[in-house]
Amino acid sequence: MHTNELTQQEVLDFFNSVLGPQRVLTDSENLHIAGADHTEDFVFLPELVLQPQTTEEVSKILVYCNEHKLVITPRGAGTGLSGGCLPVLGSIVLDMRRMNRILDIDVENFQVTTEPGVITEVLQNAVREQGLFYPVDPASKGSCFIGGNVAENSGGARAVKYGVVKDYVLNLEVVLPDGSVIWTGANTLKNATGYNLTQLVVGSEGTLAVITKIVLKLLPQPAKDLLILVPFYSAEEACQAVNKVFLAGYTPSALEFMERDAIMAARKFIGDYSIPLPEAIQAHLLIEVDGQEEAYLMQEIEGIVQVLAQFSTGEVLFADNQKDKDKLWRLRRVTGEAAKASSIYKEEDTVVPRAKLPQLLAKVKELGKAYGFDSICYGHAGDGNLHVNILKNNMPDEVWKHELPKAIRELFVYTKSLGGTLSGEHGIGYVQKDFMDIVFSEVELQLMRGIKKLFDPNNILNPGKILPEYRVG
């Protein structure tokens, strides 16, 4: 909060008057919590944390910050993997956890209106009780906030059939950096009225506006789902098999890839070795189908298994009860945490056209041999979205800091050559912004900078993210 106009006490006095002292946090514990997320081992301490409860409070905070040029970083649950909520320039964190109400479930119009601090799984459960379905389910759905999901345009395992966050956001109430409060769209399924401000804010990672209300489209709740785990003797064949499933006319609700090391790490992390892992098995596909009629779903699963029979696979594990389904999904959902627990790591969120997934996986392993790093790969194979966890293990600090970025750049250049891009669902944030030149020309980057400047001329809102303009450390 470096300003020539105000003392720190004056700033504190103002925010105390708006929020009350109990929601203006300056203690060491809360500053450390607000200074980190799930991105590697980064910590950037802010000077204070604000916890608004209403749109009006957010507006007052931003008016004051904009007037006095105080940098402010919006924060959800802190589960991000690209450093989007890290206060890299210090100053103020705007913690949205107290804006956590589901405001309205409109059963007749299949919509829900929610504040941003609602946990995604809580939202899913609330609409499910009304027979409705919000299908976007990131791995951290039990802890992440719906506002953070919108800010990052999150995906998850079921994006292959149902799409990502952007496909469900109808309208947003946002507070602009100058404190103006606007709605970006309309609560309608179709809208061809003017520029699409809603979709501009979705995925903008808190750099353009602060999201205070969200209107989401919902679907009917599927009545049934079936789940299988298919072991492969070759990781490359597992990737090749993905496109064959779709070419045969099937659209699973989830199609997840886990290489051997990913399952080994996950089993160790949760202490459950009940799922068999024969020595020769190199990868698994976790495949789910859902719908209304179980008999039809059984035909789908049988057809998918027949398609996979052309590859070298082991015994297919069919989860025929909810306990077994939950066990398999838990194994998949904890792989990121398991990788993080095993070593300091960097996670790259590469995505390519689905049929190019085998080439991408092969390139990761080739780079690992060339640069001396180990990796754990898993991800949403049905989307061509591969999460590459690069483990530090015994790599010297100098190599980790100076040589590994060369390998990552080489990986991204190759990803781009396959028709892919840097991030499928984690966003660019702090850690990927210096690679944006790989996928965007200077003309394109200048357009983005122009949009940022139009929304935020004083550059107070989450600076140092997405665009390669700032570098800290």
Protein backbone atom coordinates (compact mmCIF):
# COMPACT_ATOMS: atom_id res chain seq x y z
CA MET A 1 0.00 0.00 0.00
CA HIS A 2 2.61 2.47 -1.08
CA THR A 3 0.96 5.83 -1.62
CA ASN A 4 2.12 9.39 -1.17
CA GLU A 5 -1.32 10.46 -0.01
CA LEU A 6 -2.13 8.09 2.85
CA THR A 7 -0.56 6.50 5.87
CA GLN A 8 -1.18 2.82 6.51
CA GLN A 9 -3.29 3.74 9.53
CA GLU A 10 -5.53 5.95 7.40
CA VAL A 11 -6.06 3.06 4.98
CA LEU A 12 -6.90 0.71 7.85
CA ASP A 13 -9.27 3.25 9.37
CA PHE A 14 -11.19 3.51 6.10
CA PHE A 15 -11.55 -0.23 5.58
CA ASN A 16 -12.50 -0.71 9.23
CA SER A 17 -15.28 1.83 8.73
CA VAL A 18 -16.59 -0.09 5.69
CA LEU A 19 -16.22 -3.67 6.90
CA GLY A 20 -15.62 -3.55 10.64
CA PRO A 21 -12.31 -4.61 12.23
CA GLN A 22 -13.26 -8.32 12.26
CA ARG A 23 -13.20 -8.39 8.44
CA VAL A 24 -9.97 -6.43 7.98
CA LEU A 25 -7.20 -8.95 8.64
CA THR A 26 -3.59 -8.02 9.31
CA ASP A 27 -2.34 -10.92 11.45
CA SER A 28 0.54 -13.06 10.21
CA GLU A 29 -1.47 -16.28 9.89
CA ASN A 30 -4.13 -14.80 7.62
CA LEU A 31 -1.56 -12.91 5.55
CA HIS A 32 0.32 -16.16 4.92
CA ILE A 33 -2.88 -17.98 3.94
CA ALA A 34 -3.76 -15.17 1.52
CA GLY A 35 -0.23 -15.12 0.10
CA ALA A 36 -0.27 -18.64 -1.31
CA ASP A 37 -2.45 -21.00 -3.32
CA HIS A 38 -1.78 -24.49 -4.71
CA THR A 39 0.78 -23.24 -7.23
CA GLU A 40 4.17 -24.77 -6.54
CA ASP A 41 5.68 -23.28 -3.36
CA PHE A 42 5.09 -19.58 -4.06
CA VAL A 43 4.29 -17.16 -1.23
CA PHE A 44 3.72 -13.41 -1.73
CA LEU A 45 2.56 -11.72 1.46
CA PRO A 46 -0.07 -8.98 1.19
CA GLU A 47 -0.27 -6.16 3.70
CA LEU A 48 -3.90 -6.78 4.58
CA VAL A 49 -6.87 -8.99 3.71
CA LEU A 50 -10.40 -7.66 3.25
CA GLN A 51 -13.49 -9.88 3.52
CA PRO A 52 -16.56 -8.17 2.03
CA GLN A 53 -20.06 -9.59 2.40
CA THR A 54 -22.00 -7.47 -0.11
CA THR A 55 -21.65 -6.00 -3.57
CA GLU A 56 -21.93 -2.54 -2.02
CA GLU A 57 -18.91 -3.22 0.18
CA VAL A 58 -16.89 -4.46 -2.81
CA SER A 59 -17.82 -1.29 -4.69
CA LYS A 60 -16.72 0.98 -1.83
CA ILE A 61 -13.42 -0.91 -1.56
CA LEU A 62 -12.66 -0.58 -5.28
CA VAL A 63 -13.64 3.10 -5.41
CA TYR A 64 -11.14 3.78 -2.63
CA CYS A 65 -8.39 1.60 -4.11
CA ASN A 66 -8.82 3.13 -7.56
CA GLU A 67 -8.77 6.68 -6.20
CA HIS A 68 -5.58 6.06 -4.24
CA LYS A 69 -4.01 3.57 -6.69
CA LEU A 70 -3.88 0.70 -4.21
CA VAL A 71 -3.26 -2.68 -5.80
CA ILE A 72 -5.92 -5.29 -4.94
CA THR A 73 -6.01 -9.02 -5.77
CA PRO A 74 -9.33 -10.95 -5.71
CA ARG A 75 -9.17 -14.38 -4.10
CA GLY A 76 -11.51 -17.36 -3.97
CA ALA A 77 -10.69 -20.59 -2.15
CA GLY A 78 -7.00 -20.50 -3.11
CA THR A 79 -7.07 -23.84 -4.94
CA GLY A 80 -5.67 -22.45 -8.20
CA LEU A 81 -2.68 -23.97 -9.96
CA SER A 82 -1.40 -21.03 -12.03
CA GLY A 83 -0.96 -18.40 -9.31
CA GLY A 84 -3.99 -16.40 -10.40
CA CYS A 85 -4.80 -15.20 -6.88
CA LEU A 86 -1.23 -14.64 -5.68
CA PRO A 87 -0.70 -11.01 -4.58
CA VAL A 88 2.59 -10.80 -6.46
CA LEU A 89 2.85 -7.03 -5.93
CA GLY A 90 1.71 -7.20 -2.31
CA SER A 91 -0.83 -4.67 -1.03
CA ILE A 92 -4.42 -5.92 -0.55
CA VAL A 93 -6.17 -9.28 -1.00
CA LEU A 94 -9.95 -9.21 -1.54
CA ASP A 95 -11.07 -12.48 0.04
CA MET A 96 -14.53 -13.44 -1.29
CA ARG A 97 -15.28 -16.31 1.11
CA ARG A 98 -18.01 -14.43 3.03
CA MET A 99 -20.07 -13.90 -0.13
CA ASN A 100 -21.25 -17.50 0.04
CA ARG A 101 -25.02 -17.59 -0.45
CA ILE A 102 -27.01 -19.44 -3.09
CA LEU A 103 -29.53 -16.71 -3.84
CA ASP A 104 -32.11 -18.47 -6.01
CA ILE A 105 -32.69 -21.84 -7.68
CA ASP A 106 -35.16 -21.24 -10.51
CA VAL A 107 -36.50 -24.73 -11.20
CA GLU A 108 -38.89 -23.59 -13.93
CA ASN A 109 -36.14 -21.92 -15.96
CA PHE A 110 -33.29 -24.31 -15.03
CA GLN A 111 -31.10 -21.54 -13.54
CA VAL A 112 -29.31 -20.79 -10.31
CA THR A 113 -28.14 -17.42 -9.03
CA THR A 114 -25.24 -17.59 -6.60
CA GLU A 115 -22.60 -15.51 -4.91
CA PRO A 116 -18.97 -16.32 -5.78
CA GLY A 117 -17.88 -17.80 -2.43
CA VAL A 118 -20.09 -20.89 -2.64
CA ILE A 119 -18.15 -24.17 -2.78
CA THR A 120 -18.79 -25.81 -6.15
CA GLU A 121 -19.86 -29.17 -4.71
CA VAL A 122 -22.24 -27.43 -2.29
CA LEU A 123 -23.84 -25.72 -5.28
CA GLN A 124 -24.09 -29.02 -7.18
CA ASN A 125 -25.72 -30.74 -4.23
CA ALA A 126 -28.21 -27.90 -3.72
CA VAL A 127 -29.46 -27.98 -7.31
CA ARG A 128 -29.46 -31.79 -7.34
CA GLU A 129 -32.03 -31.71 -4.54
CA GLN A 130 -34.29 -29.90 -7.02
CA GLY A 131 -33.67 -32.50 -9.74
CA LEU A 132 -31.22 -30.23 -11.57
CA PHE A 133 -27.61 -30.70 -12.65
CA TYR A 134 -24.58 -28.42 -12.76
CA PRO A 135 -22.08 -30.71 -14.52
CA VAL A 136 -18.79 -28.78 -14.34
CA ASP A 137 -16.73 -30.62 -11.72
CA PRO A 138 -13.08 -29.68 -11.25
CA ALA A 139 -11.02 -32.10 -9.17
CA SER A 140 -11.10 -29.64 -6.27
CA LYS A 141 -14.90 -29.29 -6.38
CA GLY A 142 -15.13 -30.08 -2.66
CA SER A 143 -13.12 -26.99 -1.76
CA CYS A 144 -12.96 -24.57 -4.72
CA PHE A 145 -15.40 -21.67 -5.08
CA ILE A 146 -17.75 -21.18 -8.00
CA GLY A 147 -16.43 -17.61 -8.40
CA GLY A 148 -12.90 -18.90 -8.86
CA ASN A 149 -14.20 -21.45 -11.37
CA VAL A 150 -15.75 -18.63 -13.40
CA ALA A 151 -12.61 -16.50 -13.14
CA GLU A 152 -10.48 -19.37 -14.47
CA ASN A 153 -13.06 -20.88 -16.85
CA SER A 154 -12.60 -24.21 -15.10
CA GLY A 155 -13.34 -27.56 -16.65
CA GLY A 156 -13.04 -30.96 -15.03
CA ALA A 157 -13.65 -34.58 -15.84
CA ARG A 158 -17.11 -34.19 -17.38
CA ALA A 159 -16.20 -31.38 -19.75
CA VAL A 160 -15.83 -33.92 -22.55
CA LYS A 161 -19.63 -34.30 -22.73
CA TYR A 162 -20.96 -31.23 -20.96
CA GLY A 163 -18.44 -28.46 -21.60
CA VAL A 164 -16.71 -26.04 -19.23
CA VAL A 165 -17.81 -23.11 -17.07
CA LYS A 166 -18.22 -20.71 -20.00
CA ASP A 167 -20.94 -22.94 -21.40
CA TYR A 168 -23.12 -22.39 -18.31
CA VAL A 169 -22.64 -18.73 -17.37
CA LEU A 170 -25.62 -16.68 -18.53
CA ASN A 171 -25.04 -13.44 -16.65
CA LEU A 172 -22.69 -11.87 -14.13
CA GLU A 173 -22.93 -9.03 -11.69
CA VAL A 174 -19.47 -7.49 -11.51
CA VAL A 175 -17.81 -4.52 -9.88
CA LEU A 176 -15.42 -2.66 -12.16
CA PRO A 177 -12.15 -1.23 -10.84
CA ASP A 178 -13.72 2.24 -10.50
CA GLY A 179 -16.50 0.81 -8.32
CA SER A 180 -19.23 0.74 -10.98
CA VAL A 181 -21.63 -2.19 -10.63
CA ILE A 182 -22.97 -3.74 -13.86
CA TRP A 183 -24.68 -6.88 -15.14
CA THR A 184 -22.82 -8.25 -18.15
CA GLY A 185 -25.61 -10.11 -19.97
CA ALA A 186 -29.16 -11.43 -19.56
CA ASN A 187 -30.78 -14.43 -17.89
CA THR A 188 -31.71 -15.96 -21.23
CA LEU A 189 -30.45 -18.97 -23.14
CA LYS A 190 -29.87 -16.86 -26.27
CA ASN A 191 -28.41 -13.37 -26.38
CA ALA A 192 -27.15 -11.64 -29.53
CA THR A 193 -27.26 -8.15 -28.05
CA GLY A 194 -23.99 -6.26 -28.31
CA TYR A 195 -20.52 -7.40 -27.36
CA ASN A 196 -20.41 -10.46 -25.11
CA LEU A 197 -19.11 -8.93 -21.89
CA THR A 198 -20.09 -12.04 -19.93
CA GLN A 199 -17.70 -14.27 -21.83
CA LEU A 200 -14.99 -11.62 -21.67
CA VAL A 201 -15.10 -11.70 -17.86
CA VAL A 202 -15.24 -15.51 -17.73
CA GLY A 203 -11.63 -16.68 -17.64
CA SER A 204 -10.22 -13.17 -17.08
CA GLU A 205 -8.69 -14.30 -13.76
CA GLY A 206 -9.78 -11.27 -11.74
CA THR A 207 -7.90 -8.81 -13.92
CA LEU A 208 -10.92 -6.96 -15.36
CA ALA A 209 -13.61 -6.94 -12.66
CA VAL A 210 -14.68 -8.53 -9.39
CA ILE A 211 -17.50 -11.06 -9.77
CA THR A 212 -20.22 -10.64 -7.12
CA LYS A 213 -23.16 -12.65 -8.53
CA ILE A 214 -23.35 -15.48 -11.07
CA VAL A 215 -26.33 -16.80 -13.03
CA LEU A 216 -25.76 -20.34 -14.28
CA LYS A 217 -27.69 -22.50 -16.72
CA LEU A 218 -28.63 -25.94 -15.36
CA LEU A 219 -29.58 -29.29 -16.92
CA PRO A 220 -31.85 -32.17 -15.85
CA GLN A 221 -30.09 -34.49 -13.43
CA PRO A 222 -29.01 -37.78 -15.11
CA ALA A 223 -30.62 -40.73 -13.36
CA LYS A 224 -27.87 -43.30 -13.91
CA ASP A 225 -24.16 -43.60 -14.56
CA LEU A 226 -21.76 -46.48 -15.17
CA LEU A 227 -17.99 -46.48 -14.66
CA ILE A 228 -15.14 -48.69 -15.82
CA LEU A 229 -11.36 -48.65 -15.30
CA VAL A 230 -9.42 -50.02 -18.28
CA PRO A 231 -5.73 -50.98 -17.87
CA PHE A 232 -3.34 -50.70 -20.84
CA TYR A 233 0.06 -52.26 -21.36
CA SER A 234 1.14 -49.15 -23.28
CA ALA A 235 0.51 -45.53 -22.26
CA GLU A 236 0.69 -44.49 -25.92
CA GLU A 237 -1.99 -47.05 -26.84
CA ALA A 238 -4.19 -45.72 -24.04
CA CYS A 239 -3.96 -42.26 -25.64
CA GLN A 240 -4.59 -43.70 -29.10
CA ALA A 241 -7.68 -45.50 -27.85
CA VAL A 242 -9.38 -42.28 -26.79
CA ASN A 243 -10.18 -41.07 -30.28
CA LYS A 244 -11.30 -44.54 -31.35
CA VAL A 245 -14.08 -44.41 -28.75
CA PHE A 246 -15.46 -41.20 -30.24
CA LEU A 247 -15.02 -42.37 -33.82
CA ALA A 248 -17.18 -45.37 -32.94
CA GLY A 249 -20.01 -42.99 -32.04
CA TYR A 250 -19.77 -42.92 -28.24
CA THR A 251 -19.61 -39.77 -26.10
CA PRO A 252 -18.70 -40.70 -22.52
CA SER A 253 -19.53 -38.26 -19.72
CA ALA A 254 -15.91 -38.66 -18.62
CA LEU A 255 -12.81 -40.17 -20.20
CA GLU A 256 -9.76 -39.78 -17.98
CA PHE A 257 -6.14 -40.84 -18.55
CA MET A 258 -3.75 -41.86 -15.76
CA GLU A 259 -0.30 -43.18 -16.42
CA ARG A 260 1.17 -45.80 -14.09
CA ASP A 261 3.12 -43.35 -11.93
CA ALA A 262 -0.05 -41.30 -11.38
CA ILE A 263 -1.97 -44.28 -10.01
CA MET A 264 1.01 -45.36 -7.91
CA ALA A 265 1.27 -41.90 -6.36
CA ALA A 266 -2.49 -41.72 -5.76
CA ARG A 267 -2.64 -45.17 -4.12
CA LYS A 268 0.23 -44.26 -1.81
CA PHE A 269 -1.30 -40.86 -1.00
CA ILE A 270 -4.64 -42.28 0.15
CA GLY A 271 -3.19 -45.53 1.53
CA ASP A 272 -5.52 -47.71 -0.53
CA TYR A 273 -3.91 -50.47 -2.59
CA SER A 274 -7.10 -52.44 -3.24
CA ILE A 275 -7.21 -51.50 -6.92
CA PRO A 276 -4.86 -53.93 -8.71
CA LEU A 277 -1.83 -52.60 -10.58
CA PRO A 278 -0.03 -55.46 -12.37
CA GLU A 279 3.62 -54.76 -13.12
CA ALA A 280 3.21 -54.63 -16.90
CA ILE A 281 0.34 -52.13 -16.86
CA GLN A 282 1.52 -48.67 -17.95
CA ALA A 283 -1.69 -46.59 -17.98
CA HIS A 284 -5.42 -46.60 -17.33
CA LEU A 285 -8.48 -45.00 -18.84
CA LEU A 286 -11.34 -44.20 -16.48
CA ILE A 287 -14.53 -44.08 -18.55
CA GLU A 288 -18.01 -43.02 -17.42
CA VAL A 289 -21.31 -42.91 -19.26
CA ASP A 290 -24.48 -41.33 -17.89
CA GLY A 291 -28.12 -40.89 -18.86
CA GLN A 292 -31.64 -41.92 -17.94
CA GLU A 293 -31.85 -45.61 -18.93
CA GLU A 294 -29.45 -48.14 -17.41
CA ALA A 295 -30.08 -50.70 -20.15
CA TYR A 296 -28.95 -48.20 -22.79
CA LEU A 297 -25.89 -47.28 -20.72
CA MET A 298 -24.94 -50.95 -20.46
CA GLN A 299 -25.04 -51.17 -24.26
CA GLU A 300 -22.77 -48.10 -24.44
CA ILE A 301 -20.24 -49.55 -21.99
CA GLU A 302 -20.22 -52.89 -23.80
CA GLY A 303 -19.68 -51.11 -27.11
CA ILE A 304 -16.81 -49.06 -25.68
CA VAL A 305 -15.16 -52.19 -24.29
CA GLN A 306 -15.42 -53.80 -27.74
CA VAL A 307 -13.70 -50.77 -29.28
CA LEU A 308 -10.88 -51.03 -26.74
CA ALA A 309 -10.42 -54.74 -27.46
CA GLN A 310 -8.29 -53.82 -30.50
CA PHE A 311 -5.62 -52.61 -28.06
CA SER A 312 -3.49 -54.51 -25.55
CA THR A 313 -5.52 -54.15 -22.37
CA GLY A 314 -5.74 -55.97 -19.09
CA GLU A 315 -8.87 -56.99 -17.21
CA VAL A 316 -11.50 -54.25 -17.21
CA LEU A 317 -12.70 -53.26 -13.74
CA PHE A 318 -16.44 -52.50 -13.66
CA ALA A 319 -17.63 -50.40 -10.72
CA ASP A 320 -21.09 -51.84 -10.12
CA ASN A 321 -21.96 -49.98 -6.92
CA GLN A 322 -21.59 -46.45 -5.59
CA LYS A 323 -18.83 -47.39 -3.15
CA ASP A 324 -16.64 -48.72 -5.96
CA LYS A 325 -17.43 -45.70 -8.16
CA ASP A 326 -16.43 -43.34 -5.36
CA LYS A 327 -13.20 -45.28 -4.85
CA LEU A 328 -12.21 -44.99 -8.51
CA TRP A 329 -13.12 -41.30 -8.72
CA ARG A 330 -11.19 -40.57 -5.54
CA LEU A 331 -8.12 -42.23 -7.03
CA ARG A 332 -8.38 -39.93 -10.05
CA ARG A 333 -9.20 -36.74 -8.15
CA VAL A 334 -6.30 -36.97 -5.68
CA THR A 335 -3.60 -37.45 -8.32
CA GLY A 336 -2.70 -33.76 -8.30
CA GLU A 337 -2.41 -33.68 -4.51
CA ALA A 338 -0.45 -36.93 -4.60
CA ALA A 339 2.05 -35.50 -7.08
CA LYS A 340 2.47 -32.37 -4.97
CA ALA A 341 2.99 -34.45 -1.83
CA SER A 342 5.78 -36.46 -3.46
CA SER A 343 8.01 -33.53 -4.48
CA ILE A 344 8.24 -29.84 -5.25
CA TYR A 345 6.65 -29.70 -8.66
CA LYS A 346 5.45 -27.65 -11.59
CA GLU A 347 2.15 -28.51 -13.24
CA GLU A 348 1.60 -27.70 -16.90
CA ASP A 349 -1.97 -27.75 -18.20
CA THR A 350 -1.33 -28.52 -21.86
CA VAL A 351 -4.18 -29.18 -24.28
CA VAL A 352 -4.12 -30.40 -27.88
CA PRO A 353 -6.67 -31.71 -30.38
CA ARG A 354 -7.72 -35.08 -28.97
CA ALA A 355 -6.10 -37.20 -31.69
CA LYS A 356 -2.71 -35.57 -31.00
CA LEU A 357 -2.58 -36.72 -27.38
CA PRO A 358 -0.17 -39.65 -28.06
CA GLN A 359 2.37 -37.27 -29.64
CA LEU A 360 2.10 -34.87 -26.72
CA LEU A 361 2.68 -37.59 -24.14
CA ALA A 362 5.67 -38.91 -26.09
CA LYS A 363 7.17 -35.39 -26.22
CA VAL A 364 6.84 -34.98 -22.45
CA LYS A 365 8.80 -38.17 -21.85
CA GLU A 366 11.39 -37.22 -24.50
CA LEU A 367 11.96 -33.86 -22.80
CA GLY A 368 12.21 -35.58 -19.44
CA LYS A 369 15.11 -37.68 -20.70
CA ALA A 370 16.80 -34.70 -22.35
CA TYR A 371 16.54 -32.35 -19.34
CA GLY A 372 16.69 -34.92 -16.55
CA PHE A 373 13.26 -34.56 -14.96
CA ASP A 374 10.64 -37.07 -13.86
CA SER A 375 6.98 -36.45 -14.64
CA ILE A 376 3.57 -37.73 -13.64
CA CYS A 377 0.97 -37.35 -16.38
CA TYR A 378 -2.79 -37.63 -16.17
CA GLY A 379 -5.75 -35.64 -17.35
CA HIS A 380 -8.93 -35.27 -19.32
CA ALA A 381 -8.05 -37.43 -22.30
CA GLY A 382 -11.45 -36.93 -23.90
CA ASP A 383 -10.58 -33.24 -24.23
CA GLY A 384 -6.94 -33.71 -25.20
CA ASN A 385 -6.09 -32.00 -21.89
CA LEU A 386 -2.93 -33.48 -20.34
CA HIS A 387 -1.76 -32.39 -16.89
CA VAL A 388 2.02 -32.70 -16.80
CA ASN A 389 3.45 -32.71 -13.27
CA ILE A 390 7.20 -32.13 -13.43
CA LEU A 391 8.84 -33.32 -10.21
CA LYS A 392 11.91 -31.64 -8.78
CA ASN A 393 13.04 -34.69 -6.78
CA ASN A 394 16.86 -34.45 -6.70
CA MET A 395 17.24 -31.88 -9.47
CA PRO A 396 19.73 -29.16 -8.40
CA ASP A 397 18.17 -25.78 -7.62
CA GLU A 398 20.09 -24.04 -10.40
CA VAL A 399 18.88 -26.52 -13.01
CA TRP A 400 15.31 -26.30 -11.67
CA LYS A 401 15.38 -22.51 -11.83
CA HIS A 402 17.30 -21.87 -15.05
CA GLU A 403 17.22 -24.98 -17.26
CA LEU A 404 13.74 -26.34 -16.63
CA PRO A 405 12.00 -23.23 -18.06
CA LYS A 406 13.75 -24.03 -21.35
CA ALA A 407 12.17 -27.50 -21.31
CA ILE A 408 8.76 -26.02 -20.53
CA ARG A 409 9.07 -23.52 -23.37
CA GLU A 410 10.07 -26.35 -25.70
CA LEU A 411 7.02 -28.31 -24.56
CA PHE A 412 4.71 -25.36 -25.19
CA VAL A 413 6.20 -24.70 -28.62
CA TYR A 414 5.59 -28.33 -29.53
CA THR A 415 2.07 -28.17 -28.08
CA LYS A 416 1.35 -25.15 -30.26
CA SER A 417 2.72 -27.00 -33.32
CA LEU A 418 0.13 -29.73 -32.69
CA GLY A 419 -2.64 -27.16 -32.77
CA GLY A 420 -2.81 -26.90 -28.98
CA THR A 421 -2.33 -24.18 -26.42
CA LEU A 422 -0.86 -23.40 -22.99
CA SER A 423 -3.81 -24.05 -20.70
CA GLY A 424 -7.01 -26.03 -20.93
CA GLU A 425 -8.54 -25.11 -17.58
CA HIS A 426 -6.01 -23.83 -15.03
CA GLY A 427 -5.51 -20.40 -16.59
CA ILE A 428 -2.35 -18.42 -17.24
CA GLY A 429 -2.06 -16.51 -13.98
CA TYR A 430 1.44 -15.74 -12.77
CA VAL A 431 3.41 -18.82 -13.81
CA GLN A 432 2.55 -19.07 -17.53
CA LYS A 433 2.40 -15.41 -18.56
CA ASP A 434 5.97 -15.34 -19.85
CA PHE A 435 5.07 -18.05 -22.38
CA MET A 436 2.14 -16.17 -23.92
CA ASP A 437 4.32 -15.05 -26.85
CA ILE A 438 4.34 -18.68 -28.03
CA VAL A 439 0.63 -18.69 -28.85
CA PHE A 440 -0.10 -14.98 -29.44
CA SER A 441 1.44 -12.42 -31.74
CA GLU A 442 2.36 -8.96 -30.46
CA VAL A 443 -0.76 -7.61 -32.18
CA GLU A 444 -2.93 -10.02 -30.22
CA LEU A 445 -1.17 -9.26 -26.94
CA GLN A 446 -1.62 -5.54 -27.54
CA LEU A 447 -5.35 -6.07 -28.04
CA MET A 448 -5.49 -7.83 -24.67
CA ARG A 449 -3.47 -5.07 -23.02
CA GLY A 450 -5.87 -2.55 -24.51
CA ILE A 451 -8.86 -4.38 -23.03
CA LYS A 452 -7.15 -4.47 -19.64
CA LYS A 453 -6.40 -0.75 -19.80
CA LEU A 454 -9.98 0.10 -20.77
CA PHE A 455 -11.40 -1.79 -17.81
CA ASP A 456 -8.63 -0.88 -15.38
CA PRO A 457 -6.75 2.27 -16.44
CA ASN A 458 -4.90 2.56 -13.12
CA ASN A 459 -3.88 -1.14 -13.21
CA ILE A 460 -5.01 -1.78 -9.64
CA LEU A 461 -6.85 -5.08 -10.20
CA ASN A 462 -4.72 -8.22 -10.00
CA PRO A 463 -1.72 -6.85 -11.92
CA GLY A 464 1.12 -9.16 -12.88
CA LYS A 465 -1.17 -11.85 -14.29
CA ILE A 466 -1.89 -13.26 -17.77
CA LEU A 467 -0.05 -10.61 -19.79
CA PRO A 468 3.78 -10.65 -19.94
CA GLU A 469 4.27 -7.20 -18.51
CA TYR A 470 5.54 -7.73 -15.00
CA ARG A 471 8.12 -10.01 -13.47
CA VAL A 472 8.66 -10.47 -9.74
CA GLY A 473 11.64 -12.28 -8.29
